[in-house]
Amino acid sequence: MTRSRARDTNVCGVTAAIAVIDGKWKTVLLWLLESGPWRPGELRRRLPGLSEKVLTQALREMEADGLVHRVVHDELPLKTVYSLTPFGRELSEALGPVSDWGHRRLEKLAQAESAS
């Protein structure tokens, strides 16, 4: 899905929601940010394989979509902290049942694999 879909007002609600969480890292970033504010370096350490460039891009997109809030503390060295906005927290809560469904699907796949 392209970024332009995130701003398209002529799509169904599910497509509009998926457009802002599309990608490999955004859902896990939402999940981590549920627990409170995080600095970018802390997020990268928690997510091996996530490059600084991709993290920055994902956080900027999530900020543009109103999901995360970025605060830069005026101290040296500069300290940047990301947290969920109320809108981002609302999306995270809405994804809870989808996550539950996904776990049930994974269990079914594991059962089917062990039965064969």
C-alpha atoms as a PDB file:
ATOM      1  CA  MET A   1       0.000   0.000   0.000  1.00  0.00           C
ATOM      2  CA  THR A   2       1.382   3.395  -0.827  1.00  0.00           C
ATOM      3  CA  ARG A   3       1.652   6.394   1.494  1.00  0.00           C
ATOM      4  CA  SER A   4      -0.842   8.261  -0.688  1.00  0.00           C
ATOM      5  CA  ARG A   5      -3.557   5.859   0.522  1.00  0.00           C
ATOM      6  CA  ALA A   6      -3.060   7.229   4.050  1.00  0.00           C
ATOM      7  CA  ARG A   7      -4.474  10.577   2.858  1.00  0.00           C
ATOM      8  CA  ASP A   8      -7.120   9.218   0.450  1.00  0.00           C
ATOM      9  CA  THR A   9     -10.605  10.081   1.759  1.00  0.00           C
ATOM     10  CA  ASN A  10     -12.339   7.819  -0.780  1.00  0.00           C
ATOM     11  CA  VAL A  11     -11.464   4.473   0.793  1.00  0.00           C
ATOM     12  CA  CYS A  12     -13.208   2.250   3.313  1.00  0.00           C
ATOM     13  CA  GLY A  13     -12.368   2.638   7.005  1.00  0.00           C
ATOM     14  CA  VAL A  14     -10.335  -0.562   7.187  1.00  0.00           C
ATOM     15  CA  THR A  15      -8.160   0.575   4.280  1.00  0.00           C
ATOM     16  CA  ALA A  16      -7.721   3.981   5.940  1.00  0.00           C
ATOM     17  CA  ALA A  17      -6.575   2.308   9.163  1.00  0.00           C
ATOM     18  CA  ILE A  18      -4.253  -0.150   7.444  1.00  0.00           C
ATOM     19  CA  ALA A  19      -2.690   2.658   5.419  1.00  0.00           C
ATOM     20  CA  VAL A  20      -1.263   4.268   8.572  1.00  0.00           C
ATOM     21  CA  ILE A  21       0.111   1.018  10.045  1.00  0.00           C
ATOM     22  CA  ASP A  22       1.335  -0.484   6.788  1.00  0.00           C
ATOM     23  CA  GLY A  23       4.921  -1.666   6.876  1.00  0.00           C
ATOM     24  CA  LYS A  24       7.082  -4.007   8.857  1.00  0.00           C
ATOM     25  CA  TRP A  25       7.720  -1.835  11.921  1.00  0.00           C
ATOM     26  CA  LYS A  26       4.763   0.444  12.640  1.00  0.00           C
ATOM     27  CA  THR A  27       2.620  -2.035  14.554  1.00  0.00           C
ATOM     28  CA  VAL A  28       5.503  -3.055  16.810  1.00  0.00           C
ATOM     29  CA  LEU A  29       6.369   0.620  17.331  1.00  0.00           C
ATOM     30  CA  LEU A  30       2.756   1.257  18.372  1.00  0.00           C
ATOM     31  CA  TRP A  31       2.985  -1.690  20.752  1.00  0.00           C
ATOM     32  CA  LEU A  32       6.207  -0.426  22.344  1.00  0.00           C
ATOM     33  CA  LEU A  33       4.958   3.151  22.610  1.00  0.00           C
ATOM     34  CA  GLU A  34       1.858   1.926  24.485  1.00  0.00           C
ATOM     35  CA  SER A  35       4.082   1.457  27.527  1.00  0.00           C
ATOM     36  CA  GLY A  36       5.173   5.098  27.565  1.00  0.00           C
ATOM     37  CA  PRO A  37       7.630   7.505  25.950  1.00  0.00           C
ATOM     38  CA  TRP A  38      10.744   6.162  24.240  1.00  0.00           C
ATOM     39  CA  ARG A  39      13.910   7.671  22.817  1.00  0.00           C
ATOM     40  CA  PRO A  40      14.823   6.574  19.263  1.00  0.00           C
ATOM     41  CA  GLY A  41      17.996   4.811  20.408  1.00  0.00           C
ATOM     42  CA  GLU A  42      16.013   2.777  22.932  1.00  0.00           C
ATOM     43  CA  LEU A  43      13.544   1.740  20.215  1.00  0.00           C
ATOM     44  CA  ARG A  44      16.371   0.637  17.921  1.00  0.00           C
ATOM     45  CA  ARG A  45      17.981  -1.443  20.674  1.00  0.00           C
ATOM     46  CA  ARG A  46      14.647  -3.197  21.300  1.00  0.00           C
ATOM     47  CA  LEU A  47      14.165  -3.929  17.600  1.00  0.00           C
ATOM     48  CA  PRO A  48      17.226  -5.621  16.079  1.00  0.00           C
ATOM     49  CA  GLY A  49      17.213  -5.289  12.323  1.00  0.00           C
ATOM     50  CA  LEU A  50      15.554  -1.874  12.358  1.00  0.00           C
ATOM     51  CA  SER A  51      17.894   0.682  10.841  1.00  0.00           C
ATOM     52  CA  GLU A  52      18.070   4.265  12.034  1.00  0.00           C
ATOM     53  CA  LYS A  53      16.857   5.459   8.609  1.00  0.00           C
ATOM     54  CA  VAL A  54      13.785   3.210   8.601  1.00  0.00           C
ATOM     55  CA  LEU A  55      12.996   4.056  12.237  1.00  0.00           C
ATOM     56  CA  THR A  56      13.178   7.781  11.500  1.00  0.00           C
ATOM     57  CA  GLN A  57      10.980   7.386   8.416  1.00  0.00           C
ATOM     58  CA  ALA A  58       8.371   5.308  10.267  1.00  0.00           C
ATOM     59  CA  LEU A  59       8.241   7.706  13.225  1.00  0.00           C
ATOM     60  CA  ARG A  60       7.932  10.730  10.917  1.00  0.00           C
ATOM     61  CA  GLU A  61       5.073   9.074   9.025  1.00  0.00           C
ATOM     62  CA  MET A  62       3.370   8.132  12.280  1.00  0.00           C
ATOM     63  CA  GLU A  63       3.793  11.705  13.515  1.00  0.00           C
ATOM     64  CA  ALA A  64       2.327  13.074  10.258  1.00  0.00           C
ATOM     65  CA  ASP A  65      -0.623  10.692  10.681  1.00  0.00           C
ATOM     66  CA  GLY A  66      -1.223  11.975  14.212  1.00  0.00           C
ATOM     67  CA  LEU A  67      -0.271   8.724  15.962  1.00  0.00           C
ATOM     68  CA  VAL A  68       2.875   9.818  17.785  1.00  0.00           C
ATOM     69  CA  HIS A  69       4.047  13.001  19.439  1.00  0.00           C
ATOM     70  CA  ARG A  70       7.678  14.072  19.181  1.00  0.00           C
ATOM     71  CA  VAL A  71       9.312  16.208  21.852  1.00  0.00           C
ATOM     72  CA  VAL A  72      12.839  17.581  21.510  1.00  0.00           C
ATOM     73  CA  HIS A  73      14.282  18.634  24.855  1.00  0.00           C
ATOM     74  CA  ASP A  74      16.494  21.702  24.603  1.00  0.00           C
ATOM     75  CA  GLU A  75      19.623  20.304  26.185  1.00  0.00           C
ATOM     76  CA  LEU A  76      22.960  19.156  24.889  1.00  0.00           C
ATOM     77  CA  PRO A  77      23.055  16.644  23.461  1.00  0.00           C
ATOM     78  CA  LEU A  78      19.538  17.053  22.092  1.00  0.00           C
ATOM     79  CA  LYS A  79      17.129  14.536  23.570  1.00  0.00           C
ATOM     80  CA  THR A  80      14.187  13.435  21.418  1.00  0.00           C
ATOM     81  CA  VAL A  81      11.316  11.465  22.922  1.00  0.00           C
ATOM     82  CA  TYR A  82       8.355   9.851  21.144  1.00  0.00           C
ATOM     83  CA  SER A  83       5.033   8.954  22.729  1.00  0.00           C
ATOM     84  CA  LEU A  84       1.582   7.976  21.549  1.00  0.00           C
ATOM     85  CA  THR A  85      -0.993  10.676  21.025  1.00  0.00           C
ATOM     86  CA  PRO A  86      -4.550  10.013  22.222  1.00  0.00           C
ATOM     87  CA  PHE A  87      -5.384   9.236  18.572  1.00  0.00           C
ATOM     88  CA  GLY A  88      -2.505   6.747  18.415  1.00  0.00           C
ATOM     89  CA  ARG A  89      -3.593   5.146  21.690  1.00  0.00           C
ATOM     90  CA  GLU A  90      -7.115   4.820  20.264  1.00  0.00           C
ATOM     91  CA  LEU A  91      -5.725   3.009  17.206  1.00  0.00           C
ATOM     92  CA  SER A  92      -3.599   0.762  19.401  1.00  0.00           C
ATOM     93  CA  GLU A  93      -6.654  -0.199  21.463  1.00  0.00           C
ATOM     94  CA  ALA A  94      -8.669  -0.832  18.293  1.00  0.00           C
ATOM     95  CA  LEU A  95      -5.955  -3.212  17.078  1.00  0.00           C
ATOM     96  CA  GLY A  96      -6.235  -5.333  20.239  1.00  0.00           C
ATOM     97  CA  PRO A  97      -9.004  -7.580  18.849  1.00  0.00           C
ATOM     98  CA  VAL A  98      -7.147  -7.880  15.540  1.00  0.00           C
ATOM     99  CA  SER A  99      -4.072  -9.012  17.481  1.00  0.00           C
ATOM    100  CA  ASP A 100      -6.159 -11.570  19.367  1.00  0.00           C
ATOM    101  CA  TRP A 101      -7.517 -12.881  16.067  1.00  0.00           C
ATOM    102  CA  GLY A 102      -3.982 -13.086  14.671  1.00  0.00           C
ATOM    103  CA  HIS A 103      -2.808 -15.151  17.650  1.00  0.00           C
ATOM    104  CA  ARG A 104      -5.764 -17.538  17.194  1.00  0.00           C
ATOM    105  CA  ARG A 105      -4.857 -17.859  13.508  1.00  0.00           C
ATOM    106  CA  LEU A 106      -1.245 -18.668  14.364  1.00  0.00           C
ATOM    107  CA  GLU A 107      -2.408 -21.332  16.829  1.00  0.00           C
ATOM    108  CA  LYS A 108      -4.600 -22.901  14.126  1.00  0.00           C
ATOM    109  CA  LEU A 109      -1.691 -22.897  11.688  1.00  0.00           C
ATOM    110  CA  ALA A 110       0.581 -24.540  14.275  1.00  0.00           C
ATOM    111  CA  GLN A 111      -2.054 -27.187  15.016  1.00  0.00           C
ATOM    112  CA  ALA A 112      -2.551 -27.918  11.327  1.00  0.00           C
ATOM    113  CA  GLU A 113       1.211 -28.175  10.823  1.00  0.00           C
ATOM    114  CA  SER A 114       1.677 -30.564  13.736  1.00  0.00           C
ATOM    115  CA  ALA A 115      -1.251 -32.713  12.562  1.00  0.00           C
ATOM    116  CA  SER A 116       0.290 -33.270   9.133  1.00  0.00           C
END
